[in-house]
Each structure stands twice: as structure tokens, then as C-alpha cells.
C-alpha atoms as a PDB file:
ATOM      1  CA  MET A   1     179.459  51.980  17.452  1.00  0.00           C
ATOM      2  CA  ARG A   2     176.967  50.515  19.911  1.00  0.00           C
ATOM      3  CA  THR A   3     177.105  46.921  20.662  1.00  0.00           C
ATOM      4  CA  ILE A   4     174.352  44.855  21.954  1.00  0.00           C
ATOM      5  CA  PRO A   5     175.175  41.887  24.539  1.00  0.00           C
ATOM      6  CA  LEU A   6     174.505  38.479  23.179  1.00  0.00           C
ATOM      7  CA  LEU A   7     172.262  37.589  26.145  1.00  0.00           C
ATOM      8  CA  ALA A   8     169.936  40.577  25.633  1.00  0.00           C
ATOM      9  CA  LEU A   9     168.995  39.092  22.300  1.00  0.00           C
ATOM     10  CA  LEU A  10     168.083  35.643  23.621  1.00  0.00           C
ATOM     11  CA  PRO A  11     164.359  36.479  24.502  1.00  0.00           C
ATOM     12  CA  ALA A  12     163.862  37.942  20.973  1.00  0.00           C
ATOM     13  CA  VAL A  13     165.572  34.932  19.392  1.00  0.00           C
ATOM     14  CA  ALA A  14     163.353  32.693  21.457  1.00  0.00           C
ATOM     15  CA  LEU A  15     160.109  34.550  20.336  1.00  0.00           C
ATOM     16  CA  ALA A  16     160.940  34.623  16.709  1.00  0.00           C
ATOM     17  CA  ALA A  17     161.610  30.686  16.766  1.00  0.00           C
ATOM     18  CA  GLU A  18     158.105  30.393  18.462  1.00  0.00           C
ATOM     19  CA  LYS A  19     156.430  32.074  15.443  1.00  0.00           C
ATOM     20  CA  VAL A  20     158.246  30.044  12.804  1.00  0.00           C
ATOM     21  CA  PRO A  21     155.443  27.822  11.308  1.00  0.00           C
ATOM     22  CA  ALA A  22     156.044  24.110  11.801  1.00  0.00           C
ATOM     23  CA  PRO A  23     156.818  22.047   8.716  1.00  0.00           C
ATOM     24  CA  ALA A  24     153.826  20.656   6.966  1.00  0.00           C
ATOM     25  CA  ASP A  25     154.958  16.990   7.333  1.00  0.00           C
ATOM     26  CA  ARG A  26     154.957  17.594  11.137  1.00  0.00           C
ATOM     27  CA  ILE A  27     151.655  19.084  11.279  1.00  0.00           C
ATOM     28  CA  GLU A  28     150.363  16.227   9.208  1.00  0.00           C
ATOM     29  CA  ARG A  29     151.992  13.738  11.456  1.00  0.00           C
ATOM     30  CA  GLY A  30     150.277  15.570  14.367  1.00  0.00           C
ATOM     31  CA  ARG A  31     146.898  15.292  12.765  1.00  0.00           C
ATOM     32  CA  TYR A  32     147.117  11.705  12.328  1.00  0.00           C
ATOM     33  CA  LEU A  33     148.317  10.990  15.765  1.00  0.00           C
ATOM     34  CA  VAL A  34     145.452  13.362  17.347  1.00  0.00           C
ATOM     35  CA  THR A  35     143.112  11.302  14.964  1.00  0.00           C
ATOM     36  CA  ILE A  36     144.016   7.658  16.040  1.00  0.00           C
ATOM     37  CA  ALA A  37     144.309   8.741  19.504  1.00  0.00           C
ATOM     38  CA  ALA A  38     140.709   9.810  19.460  1.00  0.00           C
ATOM     39  CA  CYS A  39     141.217  13.390  20.935  1.00  0.00           C
ATOM     40  CA  ASN A  40     138.035  14.442  19.447  1.00  0.00           C
ATOM     41  CA  ASP A  41     136.123  11.973  21.127  1.00  0.00           C
ATOM     42  CA  CYS A  42     136.517  14.021  24.484  1.00  0.00           C
ATOM     43  CA  HIS A  43     137.648  17.513  23.523  1.00  0.00           C
ATOM     44  CA  THR A  44     135.175  18.176  20.683  1.00  0.00           C
ATOM     45  CA  PRO A  45     131.428  18.535  21.861  1.00  0.00           C
ATOM     46  CA  LEU A  46     128.787  16.423  20.478  1.00  0.00           C
ATOM     47  CA  LYS A  47     125.555  17.934  18.691  1.00  0.00           C
ATOM     48  CA  PHE A  48     122.590  15.995  17.405  1.00  0.00           C
ATOM     49  CA  ASP A  49     122.569  15.730  13.751  1.00  0.00           C
ATOM     50  CA  GLN A  50     119.028  15.952  12.496  1.00  0.00           C
ATOM     51  CA  GLU A  51     119.478  14.311   9.118  1.00  0.00           C
ATOM     52  CA  LEU A  52     121.432  11.540  10.559  1.00  0.00           C
ATOM     53  CA  LYS A  53     119.287  11.275  13.786  1.00  0.00           C
ATOM     54  CA  MET A  54     122.366  10.638  15.939  1.00  0.00           C
ATOM     55  CA  PRO A  55     124.963  12.802  17.890  1.00  0.00           C
ATOM     56  CA  VAL A  56     128.166  13.841  15.908  1.00  0.00           C
ATOM     57  CA  PRO A  57     131.169  15.790  16.842  1.00  0.00           C
ATOM     58  CA  ASP A  58     130.399  19.615  16.184  1.00  0.00           C
ATOM     59  CA  MET A  59     133.628  20.192  14.044  1.00  0.00           C
ATOM     60  CA  SER A  60     132.886  24.105  14.082  1.00  0.00           C
ATOM     61  CA  ARG A  61     134.117  23.718  17.725  1.00  0.00           C
ATOM     62  CA  MET A  62     136.767  21.188  17.022  1.00  0.00           C
ATOM     63  CA  LEU A  63     138.837  20.530  20.225  1.00  0.00           C
ATOM     64  CA  SER A  64     137.600  23.551  21.842  1.00  0.00           C
ATOM     65  CA  GLY A  65     136.598  21.512  24.909  1.00  0.00           C
ATOM     66  CA  HIS A  66     133.475  21.670  27.236  1.00  0.00           C
ATOM     67  CA  PRO A  67     131.381  24.423  25.895  1.00  0.00           C
ATOM     68  CA  GLU A  68     130.857  27.379  28.107  1.00  0.00           C
ATOM     69  CA  GLY A  69     127.498  27.213  29.723  1.00  0.00           C
ATOM     70  CA  ALA A  70     126.830  23.422  28.772  1.00  0.00           C
ATOM     71  CA  PRO A  71     125.253  21.251  31.481  1.00  0.00           C
ATOM     72  CA  ASP A  72     126.915  19.059  33.924  1.00  0.00           C
ATOM     73  CA  PRO A  73     126.237  15.278  33.948  1.00  0.00           C
ATOM     74  CA  SER A  74     122.794  14.912  35.590  1.00  0.00           C
ATOM     75  CA  SER A  75     122.559  11.239  36.576  1.00  0.00           C
ATOM     76  CA  GLU A  76     123.455   9.917  39.845  1.00  0.00           C
ATOM     77  CA  TYR A  77     125.833   7.100  40.765  1.00  0.00           C
ATOM     78  CA  LYS A  78     124.250   3.584  40.934  1.00  0.00           C
ATOM     79  CA  GLY A  79     125.446   0.193  41.523  1.00  0.00           C
ATOM     80  CA  SER A  80     129.074  -0.141  40.580  1.00  0.00           C
ATOM     81  CA  ASP A  81     129.377   3.190  38.228  1.00  0.00           C
ATOM     82  CA  MET A  82     132.754   4.650  37.914  1.00  0.00           C
ATOM     83  CA  LEU A  83     132.005   7.735  35.617  1.00  0.00           C
ATOM     84  CA  ILE A  84     129.018   9.659  34.395  1.00  0.00           C
ATOM     85  CA  ILE A  85     129.182  11.512  31.072  1.00  0.00           C
ATOM     86  CA  GLY A  86     127.570  14.809  30.323  1.00  0.00           C
ATOM     87  CA  PRO A  87     125.269  15.313  27.262  1.00  0.00           C
ATOM     88  CA  THR A  88     128.207  16.941  24.984  1.00  0.00           C
ATOM     89  CA  LEU A  89     130.593  14.071  26.142  1.00  0.00           C
ATOM     90  CA  THR A  90     132.896  16.809  27.482  1.00  0.00           C
ATOM     91  CA  SER A  91     131.983  16.685  31.126  1.00  0.00           C
ATOM     92  CA  PHE A  92     132.483  13.874  33.576  1.00  0.00           C
ATOM     93  CA  LYS A  93     131.307  13.054  36.830  1.00  0.00           C
ATOM     94  CA  LEU A  94     133.752  10.943  38.928  1.00  0.00           C
ATOM     95  CA  GLN A  95     133.648  10.000  42.703  1.00  0.00           C
ATOM     96  CA  PHE A  96     135.751  13.059  43.513  1.00  0.00           C
ATOM     97  CA  GLY A  97     133.700  15.752  41.451  1.00  0.00           C
ATOM     98  CA  VAL A  98     133.141  16.870  37.808  1.00  0.00           C
ATOM     99  CA  VAL A  99     135.907  17.262  35.288  1.00  0.00           C
ATOM    100  CA  TYR A 100     135.602  19.412  32.130  1.00  0.00           C
ATOM    101  CA  SER A 101     137.747  18.770  28.852  1.00  0.00           C
ATOM    102  CA  PRO A 102     139.822  21.614  28.401  1.00  0.00           C
ATOM    103  CA  ASN A 103     140.148  23.822  25.251  1.00  0.00           C
ATOM    104  CA  LEU A 104     143.071  22.460  23.048  1.00  0.00           C
ATOM    105  CA  THR A 105     142.674  25.202  20.256  1.00  0.00           C
ATOM    106  CA  PRO A 106     145.359  27.742  19.890  1.00  0.00           C
ATOM    107  CA  ASP A 107     143.194  30.611  21.353  1.00  0.00           C
ATOM    108  CA  LYS A 108     145.392  32.739  23.641  1.00  0.00           C
ATOM    109  CA  ALA A 109     142.755  33.669  26.233  1.00  0.00           C
ATOM    110  CA  THR A 110     141.080  30.246  26.707  1.00  0.00           C
ATOM    111  CA  GLY A 111     143.210  27.628  24.883  1.00  0.00           C
ATOM    112  CA  LEU A 112     146.754  26.574  24.473  1.00  0.00           C
ATOM    113  CA  GLY A 113     147.658  29.883  22.774  1.00  0.00           C
ATOM    114  CA  GLY A 114     149.979  30.875  25.456  1.00  0.00           C
ATOM    115  CA  TRP A 115     151.660  27.421  25.809  1.00  0.00           C
ATOM    116  CA  THR A 116     155.217  26.620  24.571  1.00  0.00           C
ATOM    117  CA  GLU A 117     156.213  23.271  22.969  1.00  0.00           C
ATOM    118  CA  GLU A 118     158.186  22.613  26.056  1.00  0.00           C
ATOM    119  CA  MET A 119     155.328  23.324  28.460  1.00  0.00           C
ATOM    120  CA  PHE A 120     153.168  20.823  26.354  1.00  0.00           C
ATOM    121  CA  LEU A 121     155.690  18.030  26.532  1.00  0.00           C
ATOM    122  CA  SER A 122     156.380  18.660  30.173  1.00  0.00           C
ATOM    123  CA  ALA A 123     152.849  18.515  31.074  1.00  0.00           C
ATOM    124  CA  LEU A 124     152.318  15.078  29.511  1.00  0.00           C
ATOM    125  CA  ARG A 125     155.359  13.834  31.085  1.00  0.00           C
ATOM    126  CA  THR A 126     154.585  14.920  34.708  1.00  0.00           C
ATOM    127  CA  GLY A 127     150.828  14.752  34.676  1.00  0.00           C
ATOM    128  CA  LYS A 128     150.518  18.474  35.460  1.00  0.00           C
ATOM    129  CA  HIS A 129     149.151  21.415  33.732  1.00  0.00           C
ATOM    130  CA  MET A 130     151.368  24.612  32.620  1.00  0.00           C
ATOM    131  CA  GLY A 131     154.366  22.307  31.894  1.00  0.00           C
ATOM    132  CA  GLY A 132     154.557  20.789  35.278  1.00  0.00           C
ATOM    133  CA  SER A 133     153.815  23.759  37.492  1.00  0.00           C
ATOM    134  CA  GLY A 134     150.176  23.709  37.701  1.00  0.00           C
ATOM    135  CA  ARG A 135     147.459  21.379  39.075  1.00  0.00           C
ATOM    136  CA  ALA A 136     147.293  17.790  38.445  1.00  0.00           C
ATOM    137  CA  ILE A 137     145.773  16.619  34.924  1.00  0.00           C
ATOM    138  CA  LEU A 138     142.572  14.790  36.206  1.00  0.00           C
ATOM    139  CA  PRO A 139     141.023  11.549  35.066  1.00  0.00           C
ATOM    140  CA  PRO A 140     139.696  10.543  32.552  1.00  0.00           C
ATOM    141  CA  MET A 141     142.478  11.982  30.434  1.00  0.00           C
ATOM    142  CA  PRO A 142     145.088   9.249  29.887  1.00  0.00           C
ATOM    143  CA  TRP A 143     148.186  11.492  30.046  1.00  0.00           C
ATOM    144  CA  ALA A 144     150.310   8.642  31.192  1.00  0.00           C
ATOM    145  CA  TRP A 145     149.815   6.985  27.973  1.00  0.00           C
ATOM    146  CA  PHE A 146     150.629  10.096  25.961  1.00  0.00           C
ATOM    147  CA  GLY A 147     153.543  10.658  28.112  1.00  0.00           C
ATOM    148  CA  ARG A 148     155.124   7.539  26.851  1.00  0.00           C
ATOM    149  CA  MET A 149     155.176   8.924  23.211  1.00  0.00           C
ATOM    150  CA  THR A 150     158.486  10.073  21.684  1.00  0.00           C
ATOM    151  CA  ASP A 151     159.475  13.746  21.807  1.00  0.00           C
ATOM    152  CA  GLU A 152     159.038  13.933  18.093  1.00  0.00           C
ATOM    153  CA  ASP A 153     155.313  12.608  18.099  1.00  0.00           C
ATOM    154  CA  LEU A 154     154.446  15.035  21.016  1.00  0.00           C
ATOM    155  CA  LYS A 155     155.955  17.960  19.085  1.00  0.00           C
ATOM    156  CA  ALA A 156     153.996  16.987  16.022  1.00  0.00           C
ATOM    157  CA  ILE A 157     150.819  16.826  18.050  1.00  0.00           C
ATOM    158  CA  PHE A 158     151.401  20.361  19.572  1.00  0.00           C
ATOM    159  CA  ALA A 159     152.338  21.621  16.085  1.00  0.00           C
ATOM    160  CA  TYR A 160     149.054  20.366  14.525  1.00  0.00           C
ATOM    161  CA  LEU A 161     147.046  21.970  17.698  1.00  0.00           C
ATOM    162  CA  ARG A 162     148.802  25.309  16.946  1.00  0.00           C
ATOM    163  CA  SER A 163     147.615  24.929  13.279  1.00  0.00           C
ATOM    164  CA  ILE A 164     143.762  24.408  13.760  1.00  0.00           C
ATOM    165  CA  PRO A 165     141.333  27.237  14.233  1.00  0.00           C
ATOM    166  CA  ALA A 166     141.310  29.064  17.542  1.00  0.00           C
ATOM    167  CA  VAL A 167     138.019  28.995  19.138  1.00  0.00           C
ATOM    168  CA  LYS A 168     137.306  31.203  22.197  1.00  0.00           C
ATOM    169  CA  ASN A 169     135.636  28.946  24.772  1.00  0.00           C
ATOM    170  CA  GLU A 170     136.215  29.356  28.455  1.00  0.00           C
ATOM    171  CA  VAL A 171     136.076  25.926  30.000  1.00  0.00           C
ATOM    172  CA  PRO A 172     135.238  26.107  33.908  1.00  0.00           C
ATOM    173  CA  PRO A 173     137.530  24.771  36.283  1.00  0.00           C
ATOM    174  CA  PRO A 174     136.875  21.319  37.911  1.00  0.00           C
ATOM    175  CA  LYS A 175     134.406  21.171  40.607  1.00  0.00           C
ATOM    176  CA  VAL A 176     136.734  19.187  42.861  1.00  0.00           C
ATOM    177  CA  PRO A 177     137.336  19.903  46.420  1.00  0.00           C
ATOM    178  CA  ALA A 178     140.923  21.016  47.313  1.00  0.00           C
ATOM    179  CA  ALA A 179     141.624  17.985  49.426  1.00  0.00           C
ATOM    180  CA  ALA A 180     140.644  15.871  46.513  1.00  0.00           C
ATOM    181  CA  LEU A 181     142.993  17.768  44.211  1.00  0.00           C
ATOM    182  CA  ASP A 182     145.862  17.473  46.712  1.00  0.00           C
ATOM    183  CA  GLY A 183     145.245  13.723  46.913  1.00  0.00           C
ATOM    184  CA  ILE A 184     145.370  13.302  43.084  1.00  0.00           C
ATOM    185  CA  SER A 185     148.605  15.579  42.853  1.00  0.00           C
ATOM    186  CA  VAL A 186     150.343  12.986  45.261  1.00  0.00           C
ATOM    187  CA  SER A 187     149.126   9.929  43.366  1.00  0.00           C
ATOM    188  CA  THR A 188     150.052  11.590  40.186  1.00  0.00           C
ATOM    189  CA  GLN A 189     153.697  11.881  41.602  1.00  0.00           C
ATOM    190  CA  LYS A 190     153.851   8.428  42.523  1.00  0.00           C
ATOM    191  CA  LEU A 191     152.594   7.135  39.198  1.00  0.00           C
ATOM    192  CA  VAL A 192     155.272   9.179  37.482  1.00  0.00           C
ATOM    193  CA  GLU A 193     157.770   7.555  39.747  1.00  0.00           C
ATOM    194  CA  ARG A 194     156.193   4.180  39.004  1.00  0.00           C
ATOM    195  CA  MET A 195     156.524   4.724  35.268  1.00  0.00           C
ATOM    196  CA  LYS A 196     160.164   5.729  35.534  1.00  0.00           C
ATOM    197  CA  GLY A 197     160.958   2.540  37.580  1.00  0.00           C
ATOM    198  CA  ALA A 198     159.193   0.561  34.870  1.00  0.00           C
ATOM    199  CA  GLU A 199     161.116   1.924  32.054  1.00  0.00           C
ATOM    200  CA  GLN A 200     164.362   1.427  34.102  1.00  0.00           C
ATOM    201  CA  THR A 201     163.409  -2.282  34.475  1.00  0.00           C
ATOM    202  CA  THR A 202     162.411  -2.755  30.823  1.00  0.00           C
ATOM    203  CA  GLY A 203     165.675  -1.063  29.693  1.00  0.00           C
ATOM    204  CA  LYS A 204     167.784  -3.551  31.889  1.00  0.00           C
ATOM    205  CA  LYS A 205     165.823  -6.531  30.651  1.00  0.00           C
ATOM    206  CA  SER A 206     166.310  -5.349  26.988  1.00  0.00           C
ATOM    207  CA  GLN A 207     170.009  -5.176  27.745  1.00  0.00           C
ATOM    208  CA  SER A 208     170.316  -8.492  29.249  1.00  0.00           C
ATOM    209  CA  ARG A 209     168.930  -9.998  26.001  1.00  0.00           C
ATOM    210  CA  LYS A 210     171.724  -8.418  24.122  1.00  0.00           C
ATOM    211  CA  GLY A 211     169.696  -5.784  22.544  1.00  0.00           C
ATOM    212  CA  ALA A 212     166.534  -7.490  21.904  1.00  0.00           C
ATOM    213  CA  PRO A 213     163.498  -5.269  22.243  1.00  0.00           C
ATOM    214  CA  ALA A 214     161.495  -5.840  25.530  1.00  0.00           C
ATOM    215  CA  ARG A 215     158.203  -7.674  24.937  1.00  0.00           C
ATOM    216  CA  PRO A 216     155.124  -5.648  25.010  1.00  0.00           C
ATOM    217  CA  GLY A 217     153.881  -5.013  28.620  1.00  0.00           C
ATOM    218  CA  SER A 218     157.324  -6.018  30.245  1.00  0.00           C
ATOM    219  CA  GLY A 219     158.219  -4.028  33.246  1.00  0.00           C
ATOM    220  CA  GLN A 220     154.583  -3.106  34.080  1.00  0.00           C
END
């Protein structure tokens, strides 16, 4: 009788676990969190609604990011401008270059279809793509705030993103010089360390109050 080493089975077990559908309540929790966090504001392109006479999110392209071939912001900086937004609300001109909202749908070629849950959580904890091994996540994405969410809430968001329709949309890479990307990577690491220090300080203050929760904003 032929035996198969247990370690040889682990990749297949991991793959099978990845294909198991998330519980409905977790997906619904993720939908709620994505809604109140206004993820659609930047990741779903706008289109002009002739009946309403106003721009509205194009939900046929929900969370698919900057449309391939869509124009960049065309205005120039004036006065104290910090950010200029493009016509679909998915492209952003900052002082260091132009940034595009990525595709969050489960399309394997152009979206998050190739990501694992662990990669998703790690990216939002570290501020770097591909689970912490890629380039820095660029402004205006508020990854640091998402990174303070609980593991369960981030897993719920990922489960919801895996449940929505996949949209094939190749978002262009950011038009940011390499030197600027390097500088942002250094700043991102400093921010992660600052956040860890703030959490440790908050924890010590909480313990000194005999278990009382820290006040909002303490340790900032």
C-alpha cells in the first residue's frame, strides 16, 4: 500500500480551503464595512447620469478602479492645492505624480483574484502591496486607518470583495518617479513604526487605569 507524506498534502489542503465560500454573514459584514468606509468613492468610476443630470458611480464597474484608457487629471496646481482629481474620480495628481485607484474585484488577471486573505491583511498592516512585499500603497489611499481594523473586519472586507462580480480592467501603474517611490517607502515604514509605538503607549495607559479603555485619540 502506497503512503503519501502529510507535508505533500498541505498545498492541496490550502488550495481547497481558499476555494471554500465565506459564510454569508461574513460577506454581509464586509459589504457593510465597504459601504460605510466609502470605498466606492475612489474605486468605482463616476459616469454622468442624463436623467439625474449629475455624475453617479457606475455600478456596472463597481470597485474596478481607474478605467483603462480614461484621462488623467488635466488641471494644474494653483495656490495651495494639495490634490487634483480626474474626471472619473479614480485618478489623482499629487505633488509627486499621478496615482490611480486599483481594481478591487476578484478578476485574476487585473484585480485581487490572485491575492490571499493573508496578503490582503498584511498589505493594510504594512502599507505595501502584495502582502507587504510590493511597492508602497500611495496616497490618497488611507491604508493606515484600515490597518487599525480588527482581523475579523478585514477578513470580512476581503470576503465581500471576493464575492462581487469580477471586472477585467487593467489599471495603469502610477506615474511616479522611482526616487519618489523610494522616499514614500521609507516614510511608510516610519509611519508603521510610529503607529506601533502609539499602540504600545495606548496599551500602557489603559493598563495604568486598571483596565479602563483608552480615550479616543490617546497615544496619537
